[in-house]
Protein backbone atom coordinates (compact mmCIF):
# COMPACT_ATOMS: atom_id res chain seq x y z
CA MET A 1 25.68 96.22 149.79
CA ARG A 2 22.76 99.37 150.11
CA VAL A 3 19.43 97.93 149.92
CA MET A 4 16.07 99.87 149.48
CA GLU A 5 13.37 98.30 150.97
CA LEU A 6 9.26 98.87 149.62
CA THR A 7 6.74 96.94 151.67
CA LEU A 8 2.91 97.26 150.56
CA PHE A 9 -0.01 95.80 152.18
CA ILE A 10 -3.32 94.72 150.29
CA LYS A 11 -6.47 92.93 150.77
CA GLU A 12 -6.41 90.20 147.59
CA VAL A 13 -9.80 89.15 146.23
CA ALA A 14 -8.72 85.71 146.08
CA ASN A 15 -5.61 83.63 147.47
CA ASN A 16 -4.59 81.21 144.80
CA PRO A 17 -1.51 80.94 142.71
CA GLY A 18 -3.12 82.53 139.63
CA ASP A 19 -3.86 85.65 141.40
CA ILE A 20 -0.60 85.73 143.23
CA LEU A 21 1.04 85.46 139.77
CA ASN A 22 -0.73 88.11 138.27
CA ARG A 23 0.07 90.34 141.40
CA LEU A 24 3.67 89.33 140.74
CA ASP A 25 3.46 90.10 137.13
CA GLN A 26 2.05 93.88 137.89
CA ILE A 27 5.24 94.09 140.25
CA VAL A 28 7.64 93.16 137.78
CA GLU A 29 6.18 95.28 134.72
CA LEU A 30 6.38 98.38 137.11
CA TYR A 31 10.08 97.40 138.09
CA ASN A 32 10.89 96.95 134.34
CA GLY A 33 9.97 100.46 133.29
CA ILE A 34 12.53 101.85 135.97
CA CYS A 35 15.13 99.12 136.33
CA GLY A 36 15.18 97.17 132.88
CA LYS A 37 14.03 93.48 132.22
CA GLU A 38 15.37 90.87 134.60
CA ASN A 39 15.22 87.13 135.11
CA TRP A 40 13.55 86.11 138.38
CA PHE A 41 13.51 82.82 140.00
CA LEU A 42 11.50 81.01 143.08
CA PRO A 43 13.84 79.90 145.71
CA GLY A 44 15.92 76.60 145.47
CA GLU A 45 18.27 74.38 147.30
CA SER A 46 21.36 76.22 145.67
CA LYS A 47 21.61 79.07 143.26
CA GLU A 48 21.90 76.69 140.63
CA ASP A 49 18.84 74.70 141.58
CA ALA A 50 16.89 77.79 141.94
CA MET A 51 17.87 78.91 138.38
CA LYS A 52 15.62 75.71 137.13
CA TYR A 53 12.43 77.55 138.24
CA GLN A 54 12.42 80.68 136.23
CA MET A 55 9.27 82.50 136.75
CA PHE A 56 9.99 85.46 134.43
CA HIS A 57 12.33 85.79 131.55
CA ASP A 58 13.61 89.06 130.31
CA GLY A 59 10.74 90.71 132.41
CA GLU A 60 8.15 88.82 131.30
CA LEU A 61 6.35 85.70 132.53
CA SER A 62 7.74 82.31 131.27
CA ASP A 63 5.93 79.73 129.96
CA ASP A 64 6.01 77.42 133.01
CA ALA A 65 5.41 79.99 135.57
CA MET A 66 1.77 79.17 136.32
CA LEU A 67 3.01 75.27 136.88
CA LEU A 68 5.73 76.31 138.92
CA MET A 69 4.08 78.47 141.08
CA THR A 70 1.23 75.94 141.73
CA ASN A 71 3.53 73.18 142.84
CA TYR A 72 5.75 75.47 144.70
CA LEU A 73 2.65 76.63 146.81
CA LYS A 74 0.44 73.76 146.67
CA ASP A 75 1.58 72.00 149.86
CA ASP A 76 1.17 75.20 152.20
CA LEU A 77 -1.68 76.97 150.57
CA PRO A 78 -3.82 78.65 152.07
CA PHE A 79 -0.58 80.24 153.95
CA VAL A 80 1.94 81.81 151.36
CA THR A 81 5.39 82.59 152.28
CA SER A 82 8.04 82.88 149.66
CA ALA A 83 10.11 84.93 147.20
CA ILE A 84 11.35 85.34 143.74
CA TRP A 85 14.74 86.89 143.13
CA SER A 86 16.77 87.95 140.22
CA LEU A 87 20.28 87.48 139.10
CA ASN A 88 21.16 91.19 140.10
CA GLU A 89 20.22 90.24 143.64
CA ASP A 90 17.02 92.18 144.20
CA SER A 91 13.86 90.07 145.45
CA ILE A 92 9.89 90.33 145.86
CA LYS A 93 8.92 88.52 149.21
CA PHE A 94 5.11 88.12 149.37
CA GLY A 95 3.21 86.47 152.28
CA ASN A 96 -0.50 86.42 153.83
CA TYR A 97 -2.61 85.52 156.98
CA ILE A 98 -2.33 88.97 158.38
CA GLN A 99 -4.78 89.45 161.33
CA GLY A 100 -6.22 85.77 160.63
CA ASP A 101 -7.30 86.56 157.08
CA VAL A 102 -5.30 84.41 154.62
CA ASN A 103 -6.58 87.27 151.49
CA LYS A 104 -4.44 90.05 153.43
CA PHE A 105 -1.02 90.21 151.67
CA SER A 106 2.40 92.03 152.12
CA TYR A 107 4.68 92.36 149.23
CA GLU A 108 8.31 93.50 149.77
CA ILE A 109 10.44 94.57 146.90
CA ASN A 110 14.07 94.42 147.80
CA HIS A 111 16.06 96.94 145.69
CA CYS A 112 19.97 96.96 145.92
CA TYR A 113 20.83 100.39 144.38
CA LYS A 114 24.67 101.83 143.74
CA ASN A 115 24.28 105.40 144.40
CA GLU A 116 21.92 107.84 146.14
CA ALA A 117 21.10 109.46 142.45
CA GLU A 118 19.93 106.00 141.58
CA ALA A 119 18.28 105.39 144.71
CA MET A 120 16.38 108.87 144.41
CA ASN A 121 15.12 107.74 140.81
CA PHE A 122 13.93 104.24 141.85
CA ALA A 123 11.98 105.56 144.92
CA SER A 124 10.23 108.55 143.12
CA GLN A 125 9.16 106.61 140.17
CA PHE A 126 8.10 103.38 141.70
CA VAL A 127 6.06 104.40 144.98
CA LEU A 128 3.73 106.68 142.41
CA LYS A 129 3.64 103.81 139.91
CA ILE A 130 2.55 101.17 142.60
CA ILE A 131 0.01 103.43 144.09
CA ASP A 132 -1.69 104.47 140.71
CA LYS A 133 -1.87 100.87 139.15
CA ILE A 134 -1.89 98.69 142.16
CA SER A 135 -3.90 100.75 144.80
CA PRO A 136 -1.96 99.39 148.16
CA HIS A 137 -3.92 99.83 151.52
CA ILE A 138 -0.65 100.71 153.14
CA LEU A 139 2.89 101.31 151.41
CA ARG A 140 6.33 102.15 153.17
CA LEU A 141 9.58 102.66 151.61
CA GLU A 142 12.82 102.60 153.57
CA THR A 143 16.87 102.18 153.09
CA ASN A 144 19.73 100.49 154.69
CA GLY A 145 17.93 98.64 157.53
CA TYR A 146 15.93 101.34 159.04
CA SER A 147 13.54 98.90 160.64
CA LEU A 148 16.20 95.96 160.78
CA HIS A 149 18.22 98.06 163.44
CA GLU A 150 15.13 98.88 165.02
CA SER A 151 15.56 102.56 164.48
CA MET A 152 11.94 103.34 164.89
CA VAL A 153 10.14 105.06 167.55
CA PHE A 154 7.18 102.36 168.31
CA PRO A 155 8.22 98.64 168.01
CA ASP A 156 4.65 97.68 168.04
CA ARG A 157 3.85 99.77 164.76
CA LEU A 158 4.72 100.16 161.22
CA PRO A 159 7.91 102.15 160.84
CA VAL A 160 7.95 105.09 158.44
CA GLY A 161 11.75 105.34 157.10
CA TRP A 162 11.32 107.44 154.14
CA MET A 163 8.24 107.31 152.87
CA PHE A 164 4.74 106.07 154.09
CA TYR A 165 1.45 106.11 152.03
CA ILE A 166 -2.26 105.31 153.24
CA ASP A 167 -5.18 105.18 151.12
CA LYS A 168 -6.96 107.66 153.35
CA SER A 169 -7.06 111.26 152.79
CA TYR A 170 -6.34 113.47 155.63
CA ASP A 171 -6.93 117.72 156.33
CA GLU A 172 -3.70 118.93 155.52
CA LYS A 173 -4.44 122.13 158.11
CA ALA A 174 -5.42 119.60 161.06
CA LEU A 175 -1.88 117.83 160.53
CA ASN A 176 0.60 120.88 159.81
CA LEU A 177 2.99 119.06 157.76
CA PRO A 178 3.13 121.05 154.73
CA LYS A 179 6.64 119.90 153.58
CA GLN A 180 6.12 116.02 154.47
CA MET A 181 2.22 115.61 153.43
CA HIS A 182 1.18 115.02 149.81
CA SER A 183 -2.37 114.05 148.88
CA ILE A 184 -2.53 111.62 146.44
CA LYS A 185 -5.38 111.96 143.35
CA ARG A 186 -6.81 110.15 140.89
CA ASP A 187 -9.21 111.87 138.22
CA GLY A 188 -9.12 114.38 140.27
CA GLN A 189 -10.34 112.96 143.49
CA PRO A 190 -8.14 112.20 146.55
CA VAL A 191 -7.55 108.32 146.84
CA GLY A 192 -4.67 108.81 149.64
CA THR A 193 -1.95 110.58 151.42
CA LEU A 194 1.93 109.96 151.10
CA PHE A 195 3.99 111.34 154.22
CA VAL A 196 7.69 111.70 153.18
CA THR A 197 10.57 112.17 155.80
CA LYS A 198 12.58 114.02 153.61
CA ARG A 199 12.77 115.30 150.06
CA ASP A 200 16.02 114.18 149.12
CA PHE A 201 18.00 111.01 149.79
CA PHE A 202 17.24 109.13 153.08
CA ASP A 203 19.74 107.32 154.97
CA GLY A 204 18.11 104.67 157.07
CA SER A 205 21.46 104.36 159.08
CA ASN A 206 22.18 108.03 159.19
CA LYS A 207 21.54 109.56 162.79
CA ALA A 208 20.29 112.60 161.22
CA ASP A 209 17.96 111.09 158.95
CA ILE A 210 16.79 108.54 161.65
CA THR A 211 15.64 111.56 164.01
CA LEU A 212 13.39 113.18 161.19
CA SER A 213 11.81 109.69 160.57
CA ASN A 214 11.21 109.27 163.94
CA ASP A 215 9.47 112.88 164.05
CA LEU A 216 7.65 112.04 161.50
CA GLU A 217 6.40 108.84 163.41
CA ILE A 218 5.54 110.76 166.38
CA ALA A 219 3.44 112.90 164.44
CA LEU A 220 1.48 110.69 162.75
CA VAL A 221 0.87 108.19 166.15
CA ALA A 222 -0.39 111.79 167.38
CA HIS A 223 -3.28 111.98 164.80
CA ASP A 224 -3.70 108.01 164.98
CA ILE A 225 -2.39 107.49 161.43
CA LEU A 226 0.48 105.09 161.99
CA PRO A 227 -0.97 101.63 162.67
CA THR A 228 -0.01 98.66 165.06
CA TYR A 229 0.79 95.61 163.27
CA LYS A 230 -2.03 94.18 164.77
CA LYS A 231 -4.19 96.81 163.21
CA ILE A 232 -2.58 97.30 159.63
CA PHE A 233 -5.92 96.44 158.06
């Protein structure tokens, strides 16, 4: 199975079932526009058991979503570690308590793709939609287990993989990455920078692509852009 993994880091205003559900609703809505509307469920003891906990029906919040999320998280709050999954085997994992702060969250979208063209379409649309609509602090995208197989250069830092976005602007001349650096603007004003390892499909299990990502990681560390896990925020 070929899997694309997109992870975003964001500091939430509050940490409660309602706010978590609202964020998942945002992500699912963006997903709908690219992949179509799916049914999403909370985990269960088996697939049959999990299907009792339907959070989204045809891409829309179910009537019981708030109650289900509240009951699911009530014994663990303020700590959150869970996921929702769809019938096409995609999933959205979510968790908090990054650097000792329960309002700092990560959301990891795992998308199974059939071919490179589909992967390109999903990546090119979804990344820009999330940056525009959700405004994450950091976003990164990889394919085929790039970080799972420890293909990155720096084990203590976030891997780049295919794409890496951070909500900071940098001097293009100082970085000298004309083909890989893209300033992201909103209403004509820069809001962040997107670094792209390669313009076409990136295969996280391919040696040549791994080398390209490694080179970009080294360049970003040289300019103090790629953070360690301890200093994501």
